[in-house]
Amino acid sequence: MNLDKSQKRISKRVKRGFHGYPMISIQYFGPSEALATKVEVGFIEQENAEPMLETFNSETDIRKDETVQTTIIKIIDRVDAQTVTLEDKVQPLS
């Protein structure tokens, strides 16, 4: 799957809003807002459950990494996520 298609599919799922559980949350981290080098994909099976996190790192902007974006789509599809959330801003690395 190419990068544009992956990003459009993620964006489309985010725009749907809350539709229940299971839920996937996507949050990017980086040294600046212009560069995201880490992404955390959280899976929440039901309300009040602890999220299971999958983390991916990259030397370049991970938002433009076709392999990582395709993997996120596969995770969403595999768990049959009803809700997908995406943090708008790149969070500072801690």
Foldseek 3Di string as FASTA:
>chain_A
DALVVLVVVLVVQQVVADDFDFEWEKAFADQDQVATFKIWIWTDGHPPGDTDIDMDGHPGRPSNPGVNSVVSVVVCVVRVGNHYHYDPTHHYDD
